[in-house]
C-alpha atoms as a PDB file:
ATOM      1  CA  MET A   1      -2.718  -6.885 -52.393  1.00  0.00           C
ATOM      2  CA  LYS A   2      -1.990 -10.550 -52.789  1.00  0.00           C
ATOM      3  CA  ALA A   3      -0.746 -12.464 -49.761  1.00  0.00           C
ATOM      4  CA  ILE A   4       2.574 -13.167 -51.442  1.00  0.00           C
ATOM      5  CA  GLU A   5       3.113  -9.419 -52.028  1.00  0.00           C
ATOM      6  CA  LEU A   6       2.360  -8.690 -48.386  1.00  0.00           C
ATOM      7  CA  PHE A   7       4.846 -11.273 -47.132  1.00  0.00           C
ATOM      8  CA  GLU A   8       7.474 -10.046 -49.596  1.00  0.00           C
ATOM      9  CA  ALA A   9       6.967  -6.480 -48.327  1.00  0.00           C
ATOM     10  CA  ILE A  10       7.328  -7.572 -44.711  1.00  0.00           C
ATOM     11  CA  ARG A  11      10.482  -9.593 -45.449  1.00  0.00           C
ATOM     12  CA  GLY A  12      11.923  -6.945 -47.772  1.00  0.00           C
ATOM     13  CA  ARG A  13      11.505  -3.905 -45.550  1.00  0.00           C
ATOM     14  CA  ARG A  14      14.727  -2.775 -43.901  1.00  0.00           C
ATOM     15  CA  SER A  15      15.739   0.122 -41.732  1.00  0.00           C
ATOM     16  CA  VAL A  16      17.492   2.582 -44.019  1.00  0.00           C
ATOM     17  CA  GLY A  17      19.778   4.851 -42.049  1.00  0.00           C
ATOM     18  CA  VAL A  18      21.485   6.617 -44.952  1.00  0.00           C
ATOM     19  CA  VAL A  19      19.263   8.615 -47.293  1.00  0.00           C
ATOM     20  CA  LYS A  20      19.688  11.305 -49.929  1.00  0.00           C
ATOM     21  CA  ASP A  21      18.999  14.990 -49.263  1.00  0.00           C
ATOM     22  CA  GLU A  22      16.189  14.948 -51.856  1.00  0.00           C
ATOM     23  CA  MET A  23      12.833  15.784 -50.273  1.00  0.00           C
ATOM     24  CA  PRO A  24      10.113  13.151 -50.743  1.00  0.00           C
ATOM     25  CA  PRO A  25       6.754  14.553 -51.890  1.00  0.00           C
ATOM     26  CA  ARG A  26       4.320  15.595 -49.185  1.00  0.00           C
ATOM     27  CA  GLU A  27       1.770  13.133 -50.607  1.00  0.00           C
ATOM     28  CA  ALA A  28       4.117  10.225 -49.817  1.00  0.00           C
ATOM     29  CA  ILE A  29       4.538  11.379 -46.215  1.00  0.00           C
ATOM     30  CA  GLU A  30       0.778  11.763 -45.921  1.00  0.00           C
ATOM     31  CA  LYS A  31       0.303   8.186 -47.190  1.00  0.00           C
ATOM     32  CA  MET A  32       2.704   6.986 -44.491  1.00  0.00           C
ATOM     33  CA  LEU A  33       0.763   8.883 -41.835  1.00  0.00           C
ATOM     34  CA  GLU A  34      -2.555   7.559 -43.142  1.00  0.00           C
ATOM     35  CA  ALA A  35      -1.209   3.993 -42.971  1.00  0.00           C
ATOM     36  CA  ALA A  36      -0.092   4.635 -39.400  1.00  0.00           C
ATOM     37  CA  THR A  37      -3.599   5.566 -38.301  1.00  0.00           C
ATOM     38  CA  TRP A  38      -4.912   2.131 -39.306  1.00  0.00           C
ATOM     39  CA  ALA A  39      -2.867   0.383 -36.620  1.00  0.00           C
ATOM     40  CA  PRO A  40      -4.728  -1.940 -34.262  1.00  0.00           C
ATOM     41  CA  ASN A  41      -5.771  -0.185 -31.091  1.00  0.00           C
ATOM     42  CA  HIS A  42      -7.694  -1.522 -28.107  1.00  0.00           C
ATOM     43  CA  HIS A  43     -10.723   0.656 -27.245  1.00  0.00           C
ATOM     44  CA  HIS A  44     -10.120   2.699 -30.446  1.00  0.00           C
ATOM     45  CA  THR A  45      -8.431   5.510 -28.520  1.00  0.00           C
ATOM     46  CA  GLU A  46      -6.027   6.355 -31.387  1.00  0.00           C
ATOM     47  CA  PRO A  47      -3.273   7.426 -28.954  1.00  0.00           C
ATOM     48  CA  TRP A  48      -0.726   8.506 -31.578  1.00  0.00           C
ATOM     49  CA  LYS A  49       0.585  11.966 -32.312  1.00  0.00           C
ATOM     50  CA  PHE A  50       2.848  12.771 -35.245  1.00  0.00           C
ATOM     51  CA  PHE A  51       5.066  15.816 -35.821  1.00  0.00           C
ATOM     52  CA  VAL A  52       6.547  16.178 -39.325  1.00  0.00           C
ATOM     53  CA  LEU A  53       9.793  18.142 -39.328  1.00  0.00           C
ATOM     54  CA  THR A  54      11.484  19.414 -42.472  1.00  0.00           C
ATOM     55  CA  GLY A  55      13.831  22.285 -43.305  1.00  0.00           C
ATOM     56  CA  GLN A  56      14.730  24.564 -40.406  1.00  0.00           C
ATOM     57  CA  ALA A  57      12.525  22.629 -37.973  1.00  0.00           C
ATOM     58  CA  ARG A  58      15.168  19.880 -38.040  1.00  0.00           C
ATOM     59  CA  HIS A  59      17.815  22.416 -36.967  1.00  0.00           C
ATOM     60  CA  ARG A  60      15.577  23.618 -34.125  1.00  0.00           C
ATOM     61  CA  LEU A  61      15.070  19.999 -33.032  1.00  0.00           C
ATOM     62  CA  GLY A  62      18.841  19.478 -33.060  1.00  0.00           C
ATOM     63  CA  GLU A  63      19.287  22.505 -30.792  1.00  0.00           C
ATOM     64  CA  ALA A  64      16.577  21.256 -28.412  1.00  0.00           C
ATOM     65  CA  MET A  65      18.186  17.815 -28.316  1.00  0.00           C
ATOM     66  CA  ALA A  66      21.617  19.322 -27.610  1.00  0.00           C
ATOM     67  CA  GLU A  67      20.190  21.486 -24.807  1.00  0.00           C
ATOM     68  CA  ALA A  68      18.528  18.442 -23.223  1.00  0.00           C
ATOM     69  CA  LEU A  69      21.789  16.509 -23.412  1.00  0.00           C
ATOM     70  CA  ALA A  70      23.843  19.430 -22.059  1.00  0.00           C
ATOM     71  CA  ALA A  71      21.628  19.562 -18.965  1.00  0.00           C
ATOM     72  CA  LYS A  72      22.684  15.996 -18.125  1.00  0.00           C
ATOM     73  CA  LEU A  73      26.423  16.455 -18.647  1.00  0.00           C
ATOM     74  CA  ASP A  74      28.729  17.182 -15.709  1.00  0.00           C
ATOM     75  CA  ASP A  75      30.655  19.730 -17.747  1.00  0.00           C
ATOM     76  CA  PRO A  76      29.288  20.568 -21.199  1.00  0.00           C
ATOM     77  CA  ASN A  77      32.383  22.650 -21.964  1.00  0.00           C
ATOM     78  CA  THR A  78      34.945  19.858 -22.185  1.00  0.00           C
ATOM     79  CA  PRO A  79      36.163  19.043 -25.713  1.00  0.00           C
ATOM     80  CA  GLU A  80      34.515  15.601 -25.506  1.00  0.00           C
ATOM     81  CA  ALA A  81      31.201  17.082 -24.351  1.00  0.00           C
ATOM     82  CA  ARG A  82      31.255  19.773 -27.048  1.00  0.00           C
ATOM     83  CA  ALA A  83      31.845  17.095 -29.704  1.00  0.00           C
ATOM     84  CA  GLN A  84      28.988  15.012 -28.285  1.00  0.00           C
ATOM     85  CA  LEU A  85      26.677  18.051 -28.312  1.00  0.00           C
ATOM     86  CA  GLU A  86      27.612  18.868 -31.906  1.00  0.00           C
ATOM     87  CA  ARG A  87      26.817  15.303 -32.989  1.00  0.00           C
ATOM     88  CA  MET A  88      23.456  15.598 -31.237  1.00  0.00           C
ATOM     89  CA  ARG A  89      22.737  18.888 -33.069  1.00  0.00           C
ATOM     90  CA  LYS A  90      23.439  17.202 -36.401  1.00  0.00           C
ATOM     91  CA  ASN A  91      21.383  14.042 -35.787  1.00  0.00           C
ATOM     92  CA  PRO A  92      18.128  15.491 -37.175  1.00  0.00           C
ATOM     93  CA  LEU A  93      19.922  16.538 -40.361  1.00  0.00           C
ATOM     94  CA  ARG A  94      20.510  12.930 -41.447  1.00  0.00           C
ATOM     95  CA  ALA A  95      17.235  12.873 -43.423  1.00  0.00           C
ATOM     96  CA  PRO A  96      15.110  15.485 -45.188  1.00  0.00           C
ATOM     97  CA  VAL A  97      12.013  14.436 -43.223  1.00  0.00           C
ATOM     98  CA  ILE A  98      11.670  13.402 -39.610  1.00  0.00           C
ATOM     99  CA  ILE A  99       8.408  12.227 -38.141  1.00  0.00           C
ATOM    100  CA  ALA A 100       8.470  12.473 -34.356  1.00  0.00           C
ATOM    101  CA  VAL A 101       6.056   9.961 -32.872  1.00  0.00           C
ATOM    102  CA  ALA A 102       4.440  10.325 -29.461  1.00  0.00           C
ATOM    103  CA  VAL A 103       1.834   8.513 -27.408  1.00  0.00           C
ATOM    104  CA  SER A 104      -1.033  10.419 -25.845  1.00  0.00           C
ATOM    105  CA  PRO A 105      -2.624   7.886 -23.479  1.00  0.00           C
ATOM    106  CA  SER A 106      -6.373   7.960 -22.992  1.00  0.00           C
ATOM    107  CA  ASP A 107      -7.856   8.943 -19.631  1.00  0.00           C
ATOM    108  CA  ASP A 108     -10.465   6.187 -19.989  1.00  0.00           C
ATOM    109  CA  PRO A 109     -10.109   4.022 -16.841  1.00  0.00           C
ATOM    110  CA  ARG A 110     -10.504   0.850 -18.944  1.00  0.00           C
ATOM    111  CA  VAL A 111      -7.370   1.670 -20.933  1.00  0.00           C
ATOM    112  CA  ILE A 112      -4.034   0.109 -20.033  1.00  0.00           C
ATOM    113  CA  GLU A 113      -1.264   2.580 -20.817  1.00  0.00           C
ATOM    114  CA  LEU A 114       1.114  -0.089 -22.081  1.00  0.00           C
ATOM    115  CA  GLU A 115      -1.468  -1.006 -24.719  1.00  0.00           C
ATOM    116  CA  GLU A 116      -1.481   2.615 -25.881  1.00  0.00           C
ATOM    117  CA  ILE A 117       2.297   2.436 -26.378  1.00  0.00           C
ATOM    118  CA  GLU A 118       1.921  -0.865 -28.213  1.00  0.00           C
ATOM    119  CA  ALA A 119      -0.667   0.700 -30.535  1.00  0.00           C
ATOM    120  CA  VAL A 120       1.721   3.519 -31.411  1.00  0.00           C
ATOM    121  CA  ALA A 121       4.484   0.986 -32.089  1.00  0.00           C
ATOM    122  CA  CYS A 122       2.094  -0.768 -34.499  1.00  0.00           C
ATOM    123  CA  ALA A 123       1.420   2.606 -36.131  1.00  0.00           C
ATOM    124  CA  VAL A 124       5.153   3.070 -36.655  1.00  0.00           C
ATOM    125  CA  GLN A 125       5.411  -0.380 -38.256  1.00  0.00           C
ATOM    126  CA  ASN A 126       2.586   0.550 -40.643  1.00  0.00           C
ATOM    127  CA  MET A 127       4.434   3.774 -41.424  1.00  0.00           C
ATOM    128  CA  LEU A 128       7.682   1.913 -42.147  1.00  0.00           C
ATOM    129  CA  LEU A 129       5.928  -0.606 -44.403  1.00  0.00           C
ATOM    130  CA  ALA A 130       4.222   2.241 -46.262  1.00  0.00           C
ATOM    131  CA  ALA A 131       7.575   3.988 -46.769  1.00  0.00           C
ATOM    132  CA  HIS A 132       9.003   0.767 -48.181  1.00  0.00           C
ATOM    133  CA  ALA A 133       6.020   0.345 -50.534  1.00  0.00           C
ATOM    134  CA  LEU A 134       6.521   3.939 -51.741  1.00  0.00           C
ATOM    135  CA  GLY A 135      10.208   3.381 -52.525  1.00  0.00           C
ATOM    136  CA  LEU A 136      11.376   5.470 -49.583  1.00  0.00           C
ATOM    137  CA  GLY A 137      13.979   4.622 -46.998  1.00  0.00           C
ATOM    138  CA  ALA A 138      13.028   4.969 -43.362  1.00  0.00           C
ATOM    139  CA  ILE A 139      14.377   4.104 -39.951  1.00  0.00           C
ATOM    140  CA  TRP A 140      12.800   4.348 -36.505  1.00  0.00           C
ATOM    141  CA  ARG A 141      15.373   5.878 -34.158  1.00  0.00           C
ATOM    142  CA  THR A 142      14.908   5.833 -30.411  1.00  0.00           C
ATOM    143  CA  GLY A 143      17.246   6.204 -27.468  1.00  0.00           C
ATOM    144  CA  ALA A 144      17.582   8.101 -24.224  1.00  0.00           C
ATOM    145  CA  ILE A 145      17.190  11.532 -25.825  1.00  0.00           C
ATOM    146  CA  CYS A 146      13.640  10.902 -27.010  1.00  0.00           C
ATOM    147  CA  TYR A 147      12.549   9.835 -23.519  1.00  0.00           C
ATOM    148  CA  ASP A 148      14.114  12.898 -21.896  1.00  0.00           C
ATOM    149  CA  PRO A 149      11.313  15.060 -20.424  1.00  0.00           C
ATOM    150  CA  ARG A 150      13.244  18.212 -21.389  1.00  0.00           C
ATOM    151  CA  LEU A 151      12.328  17.514 -25.030  1.00  0.00           C
ATOM    152  CA  LYS A 152       8.566  17.493 -24.370  1.00  0.00           C
ATOM    153  CA  PRO A 153       8.123  21.295 -24.537  1.00  0.00           C
ATOM    154  CA  PHE A 154       9.551  21.360 -28.068  1.00  0.00           C
ATOM    155  CA  PHE A 155       6.549  19.292 -29.195  1.00  0.00           C
ATOM    156  CA  GLY A 156       4.047  20.736 -26.728  1.00  0.00           C
ATOM    157  CA  LEU A 157       3.613  17.363 -25.038  1.00  0.00           C
ATOM    158  CA  SER A 158       1.918  17.139 -21.668  1.00  0.00           C
ATOM    159  CA  GLU A 159       3.529  15.483 -18.677  1.00  0.00           C
ATOM    160  CA  ARG A 160       1.548  12.296 -19.370  1.00  0.00           C
ATOM    161  CA  GLU A 161       2.399  12.158 -23.079  1.00  0.00           C
ATOM    162  CA  GLN A 162       5.648  10.553 -24.167  1.00  0.00           C
ATOM    163  CA  LEU A 163       7.827  10.832 -27.240  1.00  0.00           C
ATOM    164  CA  LEU A 164       8.531   7.301 -28.533  1.00  0.00           C
ATOM    165  CA  GLY A 165      11.028   8.002 -31.278  1.00  0.00           C
ATOM    166  CA  PHE A 166      11.786   9.558 -34.629  1.00  0.00           C
ATOM    167  CA  VAL A 167      11.127   8.105 -38.065  1.00  0.00           C
ATOM    168  CA  TYR A 168      13.780   9.425 -40.459  1.00  0.00           C
ATOM    169  CA  VAL A 169      12.549   9.398 -44.080  1.00  0.00           C
ATOM    170  CA  GLY A 170      14.164   9.983 -47.450  1.00  0.00           C
ATOM    171  CA  TYR A 171      15.201   8.239 -50.635  1.00  0.00           C
ATOM    172  CA  PRO A 172      17.708   5.427 -49.991  1.00  0.00           C
ATOM    173  CA  ALA A 173      21.296   6.440 -50.745  1.00  0.00           C
ATOM    174  CA  GLY A 174      22.210   2.890 -51.711  1.00  0.00           C
ATOM    175  CA  PRO A 175      20.893  -0.639 -51.947  1.00  0.00           C
ATOM    176  CA  GLN A 176      19.014  -1.999 -48.965  1.00  0.00           C
ATOM    177  CA  PRO A 177      20.861  -4.630 -46.975  1.00  0.00           C
ATOM    178  CA  VAL A 178      19.667  -8.204 -47.081  1.00  0.00           C
ATOM    179  CA  GLY A 179      17.864  -9.115 -43.905  1.00  0.00           C
ATOM    180  CA  LYS A 180      18.394 -12.127 -41.707  1.00  0.00           C
ATOM    181  CA  ARG A 181      16.165 -13.381 -38.937  1.00  0.00           C
ATOM    182  CA  THR A 182      16.214 -16.296 -36.541  1.00  0.00           C
ATOM    183  CA  PRO A 183      13.711 -18.879 -37.783  1.00  0.00           C
ATOM    184  CA  PHE A 184      10.412 -18.437 -35.948  1.00  0.00           C
ATOM    185  CA  ALA A 185      10.539 -22.103 -34.827  1.00  0.00           C
ATOM    186  CA  GLN A 186      13.465 -21.252 -32.542  1.00  0.00           C
ATOM    187  CA  LYS A 187      11.406 -18.532 -30.838  1.00  0.00           C
ATOM    188  CA  THR A 188       8.052 -20.335 -30.708  1.00  0.00           C
ATOM    189  CA  VAL A 189       6.455 -22.754 -28.277  1.00  0.00           C
ATOM    190  CA  TRP A 190       3.261 -24.464 -29.457  1.00  0.00           C
ATOM    191  CA  MET A 191       0.983 -25.196 -26.509  1.00  0.00           C
ATOM    192  CA  ASN A 192      -2.044 -27.454 -26.875  1.00  0.00           C
ATOM    193  CA  ARG A 193      -2.460 -28.854 -23.350  1.00  0.00           C
END
């Protein structure tokens, strides 16, 4: 890849929250996962775990998410709570493929756990860039529900492992929005003394 193509891909990638129901080919998802595994990682611990959910697995995830939310509500039977729970059930149905991403920190005493999380975040960025290169739309969704320990059993995660979010994948339902960023110069301090 030429440098100009790389920079165009980085600038052109956008979070795509609205996708078609059409299922991307498994090979495309596998390419995304392969790209993720090439993320930089201190001590080469490869602390990422990926769970690909399609079809009925998305419905089961929605139920698990709603149950986790219900456990936190004062009264899950109020009309407002029931509506909130129904929205939670439907969240995983917004894309034909969801890749749940978790960190499995190494037990190596040299390893700093925050660096393990950072490595998984880099893996997600690789995954998102790969989706963009493949003509797919993807968005990394996080939030309180994915950090809720009640969701760990659904994925078989240990107490020490942590879900870091969900990558929703599909074909874009419309044109990607034009991105805008603050110029790096406004966020950068050059230090030479």
